[in-house]
Amino acid sequence: MDFIHLQRFVNICVRAGVPPLEAAAMGEDLLVRYAEEGRHYHNLSHIAKMLAWLDAAGAGTPEMELAVWFHDCVYETSGRDNEAASAVHFERTMGCFLDAPAVSTVVRLILATDFRRPRTGQPDEALLIDIDFSILGSPWEEYDAYRAAVRREYAAVSDTDFIPGRSAVLRHFLTSRIFTTEFFAPLEQSARNNIQRELALLEGMK
């Protein structure tokens, strides 16, 4: 799978104007990053599923695909600026190969995946956020595996601290529509049911 996705990354980079050798080196670096110890959910499997959704939505522009690849390339559970750091890494890595509008678009899209930022309503951002959130509307068995993987990523955090923090994030999702694109609208109720179920489980752990 790594080889398949590495080749896909190289292909999209070449489409965007990056020389093949440089694209391959960047891809290898990303594979290493997404295989870092402690990445139980924010790993290559997450990227692969997002790419599959991007394909299904028929929105695979180079900018959108690069945003998928880079949006979680920096991931520290103790950090609060992972998206910003990922955007900086993208700029440092690819900024010299792409034109300024393309770089700006990818950076904007990466930053949009920070759920704490207000949504702008721009269609490409809305779709990317929905793709990133797609796990929320998955069947319970898949969602249950996701929530367990997230907990393992925060293994260093005690239940005393994790439960209220996670609960606050989940309740934030319920304050407005989770999915804002027509393509993902059918997952809305499933996502809300999953989140309510997880909140009940967290409440029972207190």
N, C-alpha and C. Protein backbone atom coordinates (compact mmCIF):
# COMPACT_ATOMS: atom_id res chain seq x y z
N MET A 1 0.83 -1.20 0.00
CA MET A 1 0.00 0.00 0.00
C MET A 1 0.87 1.25 0.00
N ASP A 2 1.97 1.23 0.73
CA ASP A 2 2.83 2.40 0.77
C ASP A 2 3.32 2.76 -0.63
N PHE A 3 3.71 1.74 -1.40
CA PHE A 3 4.23 2.01 -2.74
C PHE A 3 3.14 2.61 -3.62
N ILE A 4 1.93 2.05 -3.51
CA ILE A 4 0.82 2.55 -4.33
C ILE A 4 0.55 4.02 -4.03
N HIS A 5 0.52 4.34 -2.73
CA HIS A 5 0.21 5.72 -2.37
C HIS A 5 1.39 6.65 -2.61
N LEU A 6 2.61 6.14 -2.50
CA LEU A 6 3.76 6.95 -2.84
C LEU A 6 3.72 7.32 -4.32
N GLN A 7 3.38 6.36 -5.17
CA GLN A 7 3.30 6.64 -6.60
C GLN A 7 2.20 7.65 -6.89
N ARG A 8 1.10 7.54 -6.16
CA ARG A 8 0.02 8.51 -6.36
C ARG A 8 0.49 9.90 -5.97
N PHE A 9 1.21 10.00 -4.85
CA PHE A 9 1.71 11.29 -4.42
C PHE A 9 2.67 11.87 -5.46
N VAL A 10 3.58 11.06 -5.96
CA VAL A 10 4.52 11.52 -6.97
C VAL A 10 3.77 12.01 -8.21
N ASN A 11 2.76 11.27 -8.61
CA ASN A 11 2.01 11.65 -9.81
C ASN A 11 1.34 13.01 -9.65
N ILE A 12 0.73 13.24 -8.47
CA ILE A 12 0.04 14.52 -8.27
C ILE A 12 1.05 15.66 -8.17
N CYS A 13 2.22 15.38 -7.60
CA CYS A 13 3.27 16.40 -7.53
C CYS A 13 3.77 16.77 -8.92
N VAL A 14 3.98 15.77 -9.74
CA VAL A 14 4.45 16.02 -11.10
C VAL A 14 3.41 16.83 -11.87
N ARG A 15 2.12 16.50 -11.67
CA ARG A 15 1.05 17.29 -12.29
C ARG A 15 1.12 18.75 -11.86
N ALA A 16 1.55 18.96 -10.61
CA ALA A 16 1.61 20.32 -10.08
C ALA A 16 2.90 21.03 -10.45
N GLY A 17 3.85 20.31 -11.08
CA GLY A 17 5.08 20.94 -11.53
C GLY A 17 6.32 20.60 -10.74
N VAL A 18 6.25 19.60 -9.86
CA VAL A 18 7.42 19.20 -9.07
C VAL A 18 8.21 18.14 -9.84
N PRO A 19 9.54 18.27 -9.95
CA PRO A 19 10.35 17.24 -10.61
C PRO A 19 10.18 15.89 -9.93
N PRO A 20 10.18 14.79 -10.67
CA PRO A 20 9.91 13.46 -10.11
C PRO A 20 10.81 13.05 -8.95
N LEU A 21 12.11 13.31 -9.04
CA LEU A 21 13.01 12.90 -7.96
C LEU A 21 12.70 13.63 -6.66
N GLU A 22 12.46 14.92 -6.77
CA GLU A 22 12.11 15.70 -5.58
C GLU A 22 10.77 15.25 -5.02
N ALA A 23 9.82 14.95 -5.92
CA ALA A 23 8.50 14.49 -5.48
C ALA A 23 8.62 13.17 -4.73
N ALA A 24 9.46 12.27 -5.22
CA ALA A 24 9.63 10.97 -4.56
C ALA A 24 10.24 11.15 -3.17
N ALA A 25 11.20 12.05 -3.04
CA ALA A 25 11.82 12.30 -1.74
C ALA A 25 10.80 12.88 -0.76
N MET A 26 9.96 13.79 -1.23
CA MET A 26 8.92 14.35 -0.37
C MET A 26 7.92 13.27 0.05
N GLY A 27 7.59 12.41 -0.88
CA GLY A 27 6.66 11.33 -0.57
C GLY A 27 7.21 10.37 0.46
N GLU A 28 8.46 10.04 0.34
CA GLU A 28 9.10 9.15 1.33
C GLU A 28 9.07 9.80 2.70
N ASP A 29 9.32 11.09 2.75
CA ASP A 29 9.28 11.80 4.02
C ASP A 29 7.89 11.74 4.64
N LEU A 30 6.86 11.92 3.81
CA LEU A 30 5.50 11.86 4.33
C LEU A 30 5.15 10.48 4.85
N LEU A 31 5.58 9.44 4.14
CA LEU A 31 5.32 8.08 4.60
C LEU A 31 5.94 7.84 5.97
N VAL A 32 7.15 8.35 6.16
CA VAL A 32 7.81 8.22 7.47
C VAL A 32 7.01 8.97 8.54
N ARG A 33 6.59 10.16 8.21
CA ARG A 33 5.83 10.95 9.17
C ARG A 33 4.53 10.26 9.57
N TYR A 34 3.81 9.73 8.59
CA TYR A 34 2.53 9.10 8.91
C TYR A 34 2.69 7.72 9.56
N ALA A 35 3.91 7.23 9.61
CA ALA A 35 4.17 5.95 10.29
C ALA A 35 4.81 6.17 11.66
N GLU A 36 4.85 7.41 12.12
CA GLU A 36 5.47 7.71 13.42
C GLU A 36 4.78 6.93 14.54
N GLU A 37 5.57 6.56 15.53
CA GLU A 37 5.03 5.85 16.68
C GLU A 37 3.97 6.71 17.36
N GLY A 38 2.88 6.08 17.73
CA GLY A 38 1.81 6.80 18.41
C GLY A 38 0.70 7.29 17.51
N ARG A 39 0.89 7.16 16.19
CA ARG A 39 -0.17 7.56 15.26
C ARG A 39 -1.10 6.38 15.03
N HIS A 40 -2.10 6.27 15.84
CA HIS A 40 -3.04 5.15 15.74
C HIS A 40 -4.21 5.46 14.82
N TYR A 41 -4.53 6.73 14.67
CA TYR A 41 -5.58 7.13 13.73
C TYR A 41 -5.05 8.06 12.66
N HIS A 42 -4.27 9.07 13.04
CA HIS A 42 -3.77 10.07 12.09
C HIS A 42 -2.55 9.52 11.35
N ASN A 43 -2.79 8.50 10.56
CA ASN A 43 -1.72 7.78 9.87
C ASN A 43 -2.05 7.65 8.38
N LEU A 44 -1.30 6.81 7.69
CA LEU A 44 -1.49 6.67 6.24
C LEU A 44 -2.87 6.11 5.91
N SER A 45 -3.42 5.29 6.78
CA SER A 45 -4.76 4.75 6.53
C SER A 45 -5.79 5.89 6.48
N HIS A 46 -5.64 6.86 7.36
CA HIS A 46 -6.53 8.03 7.34
C HIS A 46 -6.38 8.79 6.03
N ILE A 47 -5.15 8.99 5.60
CA ILE A 47 -4.92 9.69 4.33
C ILE A 47 -5.53 8.91 3.17
N ALA A 48 -5.34 7.60 3.16
CA ALA A 48 -5.87 6.77 2.08
C ALA A 48 -7.39 6.86 1.99
N LYS A 49 -8.05 6.85 3.15
CA LYS A 49 -9.51 6.94 3.14
C LYS A 49 -9.97 8.31 2.66
N MET A 50 -9.23 9.34 3.04
CA MET A 50 -9.58 10.68 2.55
C MET A 50 -9.41 10.77 1.04
N LEU A 51 -8.35 10.18 0.53
CA LEU A 51 -8.13 10.19 -0.92
C LEU A 51 -9.25 9.44 -1.64
N ALA A 52 -9.72 8.34 -1.04
CA ALA A 52 -10.82 7.58 -1.64
C ALA A 52 -12.09 8.43 -1.70
N TRP A 53 -12.37 9.18 -0.63
CA TRP A 53 -13.53 10.07 -0.62
C TRP A 53 -13.35 11.19 -1.65
N LEU A 54 -12.13 11.70 -1.75
CA LEU A 54 -11.86 12.76 -2.73
C LEU A 54 -12.14 12.26 -4.14
N ASP A 55 -11.74 11.03 -4.41
CA ASP A 55 -12.01 10.42 -5.72
C ASP A 55 -13.52 10.27 -5.94
N ALA A 56 -14.21 9.79 -4.90
CA ALA A 56 -15.65 9.58 -5.02
C ALA A 56 -16.40 10.88 -5.27
N ALA A 57 -15.90 11.96 -4.68
CA ALA A 57 -16.53 13.28 -4.87
C ALA A 57 -16.15 13.91 -6.19
N GLY A 58 -15.17 13.34 -6.88
CA GLY A 58 -14.74 13.89 -8.17
C GLY A 58 -14.10 15.25 -8.06
N ALA A 59 -13.35 15.47 -6.96
CA ALA A 59 -12.77 16.80 -6.72
C ALA A 59 -11.26 16.75 -6.57
N GLY A 60 -10.62 15.84 -7.25
CA GLY A 60 -9.19 15.63 -7.06
C GLY A 60 -8.28 16.59 -7.78
N THR A 61 -8.39 17.88 -7.50
CA THR A 61 -7.44 18.84 -8.04
C THR A 61 -6.10 18.66 -7.33
N PRO A 62 -5.00 19.09 -7.95
CA PRO A 62 -3.71 18.99 -7.26
C PRO A 62 -3.71 19.68 -5.91
N GLU A 63 -4.36 20.85 -5.82
CA GLU A 63 -4.37 21.58 -4.55
C GLU A 63 -5.12 20.81 -3.47
N MET A 64 -6.28 20.26 -3.82
CA MET A 64 -7.05 19.49 -2.85
C MET A 64 -6.28 18.25 -2.40
N GLU A 65 -5.69 17.56 -3.35
CA GLU A 65 -4.99 16.32 -3.00
C GLU A 65 -3.75 16.61 -2.16
N LEU A 66 -3.02 17.66 -2.49
CA LEU A 66 -1.85 18.01 -1.69
C LEU A 66 -2.26 18.42 -0.28
N ALA A 67 -3.40 19.09 -0.15
CA ALA A 67 -3.90 19.45 1.18
C ALA A 67 -4.21 18.20 1.99
N VAL A 68 -4.79 17.20 1.36
CA VAL A 68 -5.05 15.93 2.06
C VAL A 68 -3.74 15.33 2.54
N TRP A 69 -2.77 15.26 1.67
CA TRP A 69 -1.49 14.64 2.00
C TRP A 69 -0.78 15.36 3.14
N PHE A 70 -0.83 16.67 3.16
CA PHE A 70 -0.01 17.42 4.12
C PHE A 70 -0.75 17.84 5.39
N HIS A 71 -2.07 17.70 5.44
CA HIS A 71 -2.81 18.36 6.53
C HIS A 71 -2.50 17.81 7.91
N ASP A 72 -2.05 16.57 8.00
CA ASP A 72 -1.69 15.98 9.30
C ASP A 72 -0.21 15.57 9.34
N CYS A 73 0.61 16.16 8.49
CA CYS A 73 2.01 15.71 8.43
C CYS A 73 2.77 16.05 9.71
N VAL A 74 2.31 17.07 10.43
CA VAL A 74 2.82 17.37 11.77
C VAL A 74 1.69 17.06 12.74
N TYR A 75 1.92 16.12 13.64
CA TYR A 75 0.86 15.73 14.56
C TYR A 75 1.44 15.41 15.93
N GLU A 76 1.20 16.29 16.86
CA GLU A 76 1.61 16.11 18.25
C GLU A 76 0.38 16.28 19.13
N THR A 77 0.04 15.27 19.91
CA THR A 77 -1.17 15.36 20.72
C THR A 77 -1.06 16.46 21.78
N SER A 78 0.16 16.84 22.12
CA SER A 78 0.34 17.91 23.11
C SER A 78 0.34 19.29 22.48
N GLY A 79 0.33 19.35 21.16
CA GLY A 79 0.39 20.62 20.46
C GLY A 79 -0.98 21.14 20.09
N ARG A 80 -1.10 22.44 19.96
CA ARG A 80 -2.37 23.06 19.56
C ARG A 80 -2.25 23.78 18.22
N ASP A 81 -1.14 23.58 17.54
CA ASP A 81 -0.94 24.27 16.26
C ASP A 81 -0.51 23.30 15.18
N ASN A 82 -1.02 22.06 15.24
CA ASN A 82 -0.59 21.03 14.28
C ASN A 82 -0.90 21.43 12.84
N GLU A 83 -2.09 21.98 12.63
CA GLU A 83 -2.46 22.36 11.26
C GLU A 83 -1.56 23.48 10.75
N ALA A 84 -1.29 24.47 11.60
CA ALA A 84 -0.41 25.57 11.19
C ALA A 84 0.99 25.06 10.92
N ALA A 85 1.47 24.15 11.77
CA ALA A 85 2.80 23.58 11.57
C ALA A 85 2.85 22.74 10.30
N SER A 86 1.76 22.04 10.01
CA SER A 86 1.70 21.25 8.78
C SER A 86 1.72 22.15 7.56
N ALA A 87 1.02 23.28 7.64
CA ALA A 87 1.02 24.24 6.53
C ALA A 87 2.41 24.81 6.31
N VAL A 88 3.12 25.11 7.40
CA VAL A 88 4.48 25.62 7.28
C VAL A 88 5.39 24.58 6.64
N HIS A 89 5.23 23.33 7.05
CA HIS A 89 6.05 22.27 6.45
C HIS A 89 5.78 22.15 4.96
N PHE A 90 4.51 22.25 4.57
CA PHE A 90 4.18 22.21 3.15
C PHE A 90 4.87 23.34 2.40
N GLU A 91 4.77 24.55 2.94
CA GLU A 91 5.39 25.70 2.28
C GLU A 91 6.89 25.50 2.13
N ARG A 92 7.54 25.04 3.18
CA ARG A 92 8.99 24.84 3.14
C ARG A 92 9.38 23.73 2.17
N THR A 93 8.52 22.74 2.06
CA THR A 93 8.83 21.58 1.22
C THR A 93 8.56 21.85 -0.25
N MET A 94 7.41 22.44 -0.55
CA MET A 94 6.97 22.56 -1.93
C MET A 94 6.86 23.98 -2.45
N GLY A 95 7.05 24.95 -1.57
CA GLY A 95 6.84 26.33 -1.96
C GLY A 95 7.67 26.80 -3.13
N CYS A 96 8.87 26.23 -3.27
CA CYS A 96 9.74 26.68 -4.35
C CYS A 96 9.40 26.03 -5.69
N PHE A 97 8.50 25.05 -5.68
CA PHE A 97 8.17 24.35 -6.92
C PHE A 97 6.83 24.78 -7.51
N LEU A 98 5.94 25.28 -6.67
CA LEU A 98 4.60 25.64 -7.13
C LEU A 98 4.46 27.15 -7.26
N ASP A 99 3.50 27.58 -8.07
CA ASP A 99 3.28 29.02 -8.17
C ASP A 99 2.57 29.52 -6.90
N ALA A 100 2.66 30.80 -6.68
CA ALA A 100 2.16 31.39 -5.43
C ALA A 100 0.67 31.12 -5.18
N PRO A 101 -0.19 31.23 -6.20
CA PRO A 101 -1.62 30.95 -5.95
C PRO A 101 -1.87 29.51 -5.50
N ALA A 102 -1.14 28.56 -6.06
CA ALA A 102 -1.32 27.15 -5.67
C ALA A 102 -0.87 26.95 -4.23
N VAL A 103 0.27 27.51 -3.86
CA VAL A 103 0.77 27.40 -2.48
C VAL A 103 -0.25 28.01 -1.52
N SER A 104 -0.75 29.18 -1.86
CA SER A 104 -1.72 29.85 -1.01
C SER A 104 -2.98 29.03 -0.83
N THR A 105 -3.43 28.41 -1.89
CA THR A 105 -4.64 27.58 -1.82
C THR A 105 -4.44 26.38 -0.92
N VAL A 106 -3.32 25.69 -1.08
CA VAL A 106 -3.06 24.50 -0.26
C VAL A 106 -2.93 24.88 1.21
N VAL A 107 -2.22 25.96 1.48
CA VAL A 107 -2.09 26.42 2.88
C VAL A 107 -3.46 26.74 3.46
N ARG A 108 -4.27 27.43 2.71
CA ARG A 108 -5.62 27.77 3.17
C ARG A 108 -6.43 26.52 3.48
N LEU A 109 -6.32 25.53 2.63
CA LEU A 109 -7.06 24.28 2.83
C LEU A 109 -6.56 23.51 4.05
N ILE A 110 -5.25 23.46 4.22
CA ILE A 110 -4.70 22.77 5.38
C ILE A 110 -5.19 23.43 6.66
N LEU A 111 -5.13 24.74 6.71
CA LEU A 111 -5.57 25.47 7.91
C LEU A 111 -7.06 25.26 8.17
N ALA A 112 -7.84 25.06 7.12
CA ALA A 112 -9.28 24.87 7.29
C ALA A 112 -9.62 23.59 8.03
N THR A 113 -8.69 22.63 8.06
CA THR A 113 -8.96 21.37 8.76
C THR A 113 -8.83 21.50 10.27
N ASP A 114 -8.45 22.67 10.76
CA ASP A 114 -8.45 22.93 12.21
C ASP A 114 -9.89 23.27 12.59
N PHE A 115 -10.56 22.34 13.29
CA PHE A 115 -11.98 22.51 13.57
C PHE A 115 -12.26 23.72 14.47
N ARG A 116 -11.23 24.25 15.11
CA ARG A 116 -11.44 25.41 15.98
C ARG A 116 -11.57 26.71 15.19
N ARG A 117 -11.16 26.68 13.93
CA ARG A 117 -11.27 27.88 13.09
C ARG A 117 -12.70 28.00 12.55
N PRO A 118 -13.22 29.20 12.46
CA PRO A 118 -14.57 29.36 11.88
C PRO A 118 -14.57 28.98 10.41
N ARG A 119 -15.63 28.36 9.99
CA ARG A 119 -15.74 27.97 8.58
C ARG A 119 -15.98 29.20 7.72
N THR A 120 -15.39 29.20 6.54
CA THR A 120 -15.54 30.33 5.62
C THR A 120 -16.67 30.12 4.63
N GLY A 121 -17.07 28.87 4.45
CA GLY A 121 -18.10 28.57 3.48
C GLY A 121 -17.58 28.38 2.07
N GLN A 122 -16.27 28.54 1.87
CA GLN A 122 -15.72 28.31 0.53
C GLN A 122 -15.90 26.84 0.16
N PRO A 123 -16.37 26.54 -1.03
CA PRO A 123 -16.72 25.17 -1.40
C PRO A 123 -15.59 24.16 -1.24
N ASP A 124 -14.36 24.54 -1.63
CA ASP A 124 -13.27 23.57 -1.52
C ASP A 124 -12.94 23.28 -0.06
N GLU A 125 -13.01 24.30 0.79
CA GLU A 125 -12.77 24.08 2.21
C GLU A 125 -13.87 23.21 2.82
N ALA A 126 -15.12 23.50 2.45
CA ALA A 126 -16.24 22.74 2.98
C ALA A 126 -16.10 21.26 2.64
N LEU A 127 -15.72 20.98 1.41
CA LEU A 127 -15.57 19.58 1.00
C LEU A 127 -14.41 18.91 1.73
N LEU A 128 -13.29 19.60 1.85
CA LEU A 128 -12.14 19.00 2.53
C LEU A 128 -12.46 18.71 4.00
N ILE A 129 -13.15 19.63 4.66
CA ILE A 129 -13.53 19.41 6.06
C ILE A 129 -14.47 18.22 6.16
N ASP A 130 -15.44 18.13 5.26
CA ASP A 130 -16.36 17.00 5.29
C ASP A 130 -15.62 15.68 5.06
N ILE A 131 -14.66 15.69 4.17
CA ILE A 131 -13.87 14.48 3.93
C ILE A 131 -13.09 14.09 5.19
N ASP A 132 -12.51 15.10 5.83
CA ASP A 132 -11.75 14.84 7.06
C ASP A 132 -12.66 14.30 8.17
N PHE A 133 -13.90 14.79 8.21
CA PHE A 133 -14.86 14.38 9.23
C PHE A 133 -15.64 13.12 8.86
N SER A 134 -15.39 12.56 7.69
CA SER A 134 -16.22 11.45 7.20
C SER A 134 -16.29 10.28 8.18
N ILE A 135 -15.22 10.08 8.96
CA ILE A 135 -15.21 8.98 9.93
C ILE A 135 -16.35 9.13 10.93
N LEU A 136 -16.77 10.36 11.21
CA LEU A 136 -17.82 10.58 12.20
C LEU A 136 -19.14 9.96 11.77
N GLY A 137 -19.37 9.88 10.47
CA GLY A 137 -20.62 9.33 9.96
C GLY A 137 -20.54 7.89 9.52
N SER A 138 -19.47 7.22 9.88
CA SER A 138 -19.27 5.83 9.47
C SER A 138 -20.12 4.89 10.32
N PRO A 139 -20.26 3.62 9.92
CA PRO A 139 -20.96 2.65 10.77
C PRO A 139 -20.31 2.58 12.15
N TRP A 140 -21.11 2.25 13.17
CA TRP A 140 -20.61 2.31 14.54
C TRP A 140 -19.34 1.50 14.75
N GLU A 141 -19.23 0.33 14.14
CA GLU A 141 -18.04 -0.50 14.34
C GLU A 141 -16.78 0.25 13.90
N GLU A 142 -16.87 0.96 12.80
CA GLU A 142 -15.72 1.73 12.32
C GLU A 142 -15.49 2.95 13.20
N TYR A 143 -16.57 3.59 13.60
CA TYR A 143 -16.44 4.75 14.49
C TYR A 143 -15.85 4.31 15.83
N ASP A 144 -16.29 3.18 16.34
CA ASP A 144 -15.79 2.68 17.62
C ASP A 144 -14.28 2.43 17.55
N ALA A 145 -13.81 1.88 16.42
CA ALA A 145 -12.37 1.67 16.24
C ALA A 145 -11.65 3.01 16.19
N TYR A 146 -12.26 3.99 15.55
CA TYR A 146 -11.68 5.34 15.47
C TYR A 146 -11.54 5.96 16.85
N ARG A 147 -12.61 5.92 17.66
CA ARG A 147 -12.54 6.55 18.97
C ARG A 147 -11.51 5.85 19.86
N ALA A 148 -11.38 4.53 19.70
CA ALA A 148 -10.37 3.80 20.47
C ALA A 148 -8.97 4.19 20.02
N ALA A 149 -8.80 4.39 18.71
CA ALA A 149 -7.49 4.79 18.19
C ALA A 149 -7.11 6.18 18.67
N VAL A 150 -8.07 7.08 18.71
CA VAL A 150 -7.81 8.43 19.22
C VAL A 150 -7.41 8.37 20.69
N ARG A 151 -8.08 7.52 21.45
CA ARG A 151 -7.72 7.40 22.88
C ARG A 151 -6.30 6.89 23.03
N ARG A 152 -5.89 5.96 22.18
CA ARG A 152 -4.51 5.45 22.26
C ARG A 152 -3.51 6.54 21.91
N GLU A 153 -3.88 7.43 20.98
CA GLU A 153 -2.99 8.55 20.67
C GLU A 153 -2.79 9.45 21.88
N TYR A 154 -3.77 9.49 22.75
CA TYR A 154 -3.69 10.31 23.97
C TYR A 154 -3.45 9.44 25.20
N ALA A 155 -2.69 8.38 25.02
CA ALA A 155 -2.46 7.44 26.12
C ALA A 155 -1.78 8.10 27.31
N ALA A 156 -1.00 9.13 27.06
CA ALA A 156 -0.29 9.81 28.15
C ALA A 156 -1.21 10.71 28.97
N VAL A 157 -2.43 10.91 28.49
CA VAL A 157 -3.38 11.77 29.19
C VAL A 157 -4.30 10.92 30.05
N SER A 158 -4.47 11.29 31.29
CA SER A 158 -5.32 10.53 32.21
C SER A 158 -6.78 10.66 31.81
N ASP A 159 -7.61 9.70 32.24
CA ASP A 159 -9.05 9.78 31.99
C ASP A 159 -9.62 11.07 32.58
N THR A 160 -9.08 11.48 33.70
CA THR A 160 -9.57 12.68 34.37
C THR A 160 -9.48 13.90 33.46
N ASP A 161 -8.42 13.95 32.67
CA ASP A 161 -8.24 15.08 31.74
C ASP A 161 -8.83 14.79 30.36
N PHE A 162 -8.74 13.53 29.92
CA PHE A 162 -9.18 13.20 28.56
C PHE A 162 -10.69 13.29 28.42
N ILE A 163 -11.43 12.76 29.37
CA ILE A 163 -12.88 12.68 29.23
C ILE A 163 -13.53 14.05 29.05
N PRO A 164 -13.23 15.05 29.91
CA PRO A 164 -13.86 16.36 29.67
C PRO A 164 -13.39 17.03 28.39
N GLY A 165 -12.11 16.84 28.04
CA GLY A 165 -11.60 17.44 26.82
C GLY A 165 -12.24 16.85 25.58
N ARG A 166 -12.31 15.53 25.52
CA ARG A 166 -12.93 14.85 24.39
C ARG A 166 -14.42 15.18 24.33
N SER A 167 -15.08 15.19 25.48
CA SER A 167 -16.51 15.50 25.52
C SER A 167 -16.78 16.90 24.98
N ALA A 168 -15.92 17.85 25.32
CA ALA A 168 -16.10 19.22 24.85
C ALA A 168 -15.98 19.29 23.33
N VAL A 169 -15.02 18.57 22.78
CA VAL A 169 -14.85 18.54 21.32
C VAL A 169 -16.09 17.96 20.65
N LEU A 170 -16.58 16.85 21.19
CA LEU A 170 -17.75 16.20 20.59
C LEU A 170 -18.99 17.09 20.68
N ARG A 171 -19.17 17.74 21.81
CA ARG A 171 -20.32 18.63 21.94
C ARG A 171 -20.22 19.82 20.98
N HIS A 172 -18.99 20.27 20.74
CA HIS A 172 -18.78 21.35 19.77
C HIS A 172 -19.29 20.93 18.40
N PHE A 173 -19.04 19.68 18.01
CA PHE A 173 -19.50 19.20 16.71
C PHE A 173 -21.03 19.24 16.60
N LEU A 174 -21.70 19.06 17.72
CA LEU A 174 -23.16 18.99 17.70
C LEU A 174 -23.83 20.36 17.69
N THR A 175 -23.05 21.43 17.81
CA THR A 175 -23.64 22.78 17.88
C THR A 175 -24.10 23.29 16.53
N SER A 176 -23.68 22.66 15.46
CA SER A 176 -24.10 23.07 14.12
C SER A 176 -24.04 21.86 13.21
N ARG A 177 -24.37 22.06 11.95
CA ARG A 177 -24.28 20.94 11.01
C ARG A 177 -22.85 20.43 10.94
N ILE A 178 -22.69 19.12 10.99
CA ILE A 178 -21.36 18.52 10.91
C ILE A 178 -20.88 18.52 9.47
N PHE A 179 -21.75 18.09 8.56
CA PHE A 179 -21.42 18.05 7.14
C PHE A 179 -22.18 19.15 6.41
N THR A 180 -21.46 19.96 5.66
CA THR A 180 -22.09 21.12 5.02
C THR A 180 -22.20 20.98 3.51
N THR A 181 -21.68 19.91 2.94
CA THR A 181 -21.80 19.71 1.49
C THR A 181 -22.92 18.72 1.21
N GLU A 182 -23.52 18.87 0.06
CA GLU A 182 -24.60 17.96 -0.35
C GLU A 182 -24.09 16.53 -0.45
N PHE A 183 -22.85 16.38 -0.88
CA PHE A 183 -22.30 15.04 -1.07
C PHE A 183 -22.28 14.25 0.24
N PHE A 184 -21.96 14.92 1.36
CA PHE A 184 -21.83 14.23 2.63
C PHE A 184 -23.06 14.36 3.53
N ALA A 185 -24.07 15.09 3.09
CA ALA A 185 -25.27 15.28 3.90
C ALA A 185 -25.90 13.97 4.38
N PRO A 186 -25.89 12.90 3.59
CA PRO A 186 -26.50 11.65 4.07
C PRO A 186 -25.83 11.05 5.32
N LEU A 187 -24.62 11.52 5.65
CA LEU A 187 -23.93 10.98 6.83
C LEU A 187 -24.24 11.75 8.10
N GLU A 188 -25.01 12.84 7.99
CA GLU A 188 -25.23 13.73 9.13
C GLU A 188 -25.85 13.02 10.33
N GLN A 189 -26.94 12.32 10.11
CA GLN A 189 -27.63 11.70 11.25
C GLN A 189 -26.80 10.59 11.88
N SER A 190 -26.12 9.83 11.04
CA SER A 190 -25.25 8.78 11.56
C SER A 190 -24.15 9.37 12.43
N ALA A 191 -23.58 10.49 11.98
CA ALA A 191 -22.52 11.15 12.75
C ALA A 191 -23.05 11.61 14.10
N ARG A 192 -24.23 12.20 14.10
CA ARG A 192 -24.81 12.68 15.36
C ARG A 192 -25.12 11.51 16.31
N ASN A 193 -25.61 10.43 15.75
CA ASN A 193 -25.87 9.26 16.59
C ASN A 193 -24.58 8.71 17.19
N ASN A 194 -23.53 8.64 16.38
CA ASN A 194 -22.25 8.13 16.87
C ASN A 194 -21.69 9.02 17.98
N ILE A 195 -21.76 10.31 17.77
CA ILE A 195 -21.22 11.24 18.76
C ILE A 195 -22.01 11.15 20.07
N GLN A 196 -23.32 11.09 19.97
CA GLN A 196 -24.14 10.97 21.17
C GLN A 196 -23.82 9.66 21.90
N ARG A 197 -23.59 8.61 21.15
CA ARG A 197 -23.25 7.32 21.76
C ARG A 197 -21.91 7.39 22.46
N GLU A 198 -20.93 8.04 21.83
CA GLU A 198 -19.62 8.17 22.49
C GLU A 198 -19.73 9.05 23.72
N LEU A 199 -20.51 10.12 23.65
CA LEU A 199 -20.68 10.98 24.82
C LEU A 199 -21.27 10.20 25.99
N ALA A 200 -22.20 9.32 25.69
CA ALA A 200 -22.79 8.50 26.75
C ALA A 200 -21.76 7.55 27.35
N LEU A 201 -20.91 7.00 26.51
CA LEU A 201 -19.85 6.13 27.00
C LEU A 201 -18.86 6.90 27.87
N LEU A 202 -18.51 8.09 27.45
CA LEU A 202 -17.60 8.92 28.24
C LEU A 202 -18.22 9.30 29.58
N GLU A 203 -19.51 9.61 29.56
CA GLU A 203 -20.21 9.96 30.79
C GLU A 203 -20.19 8.78 31.76
N GLY A 204 -20.31 7.57 31.21
CA GLY A 204 -20.29 6.39 32.06
C GLY A 204 -18.93 6.06 32.65
N MET A 205 -17.88 6.67 32.12
CA MET A 205 -16.53 6.43 32.61
C MET A 205 -16.15 7.36 33.76
N LYS A 206 -17.00 8.35 34.04
CA LYS A 206 -16.66 9.32 35.09
C LYS A 206 -16.74 8.66 36.46
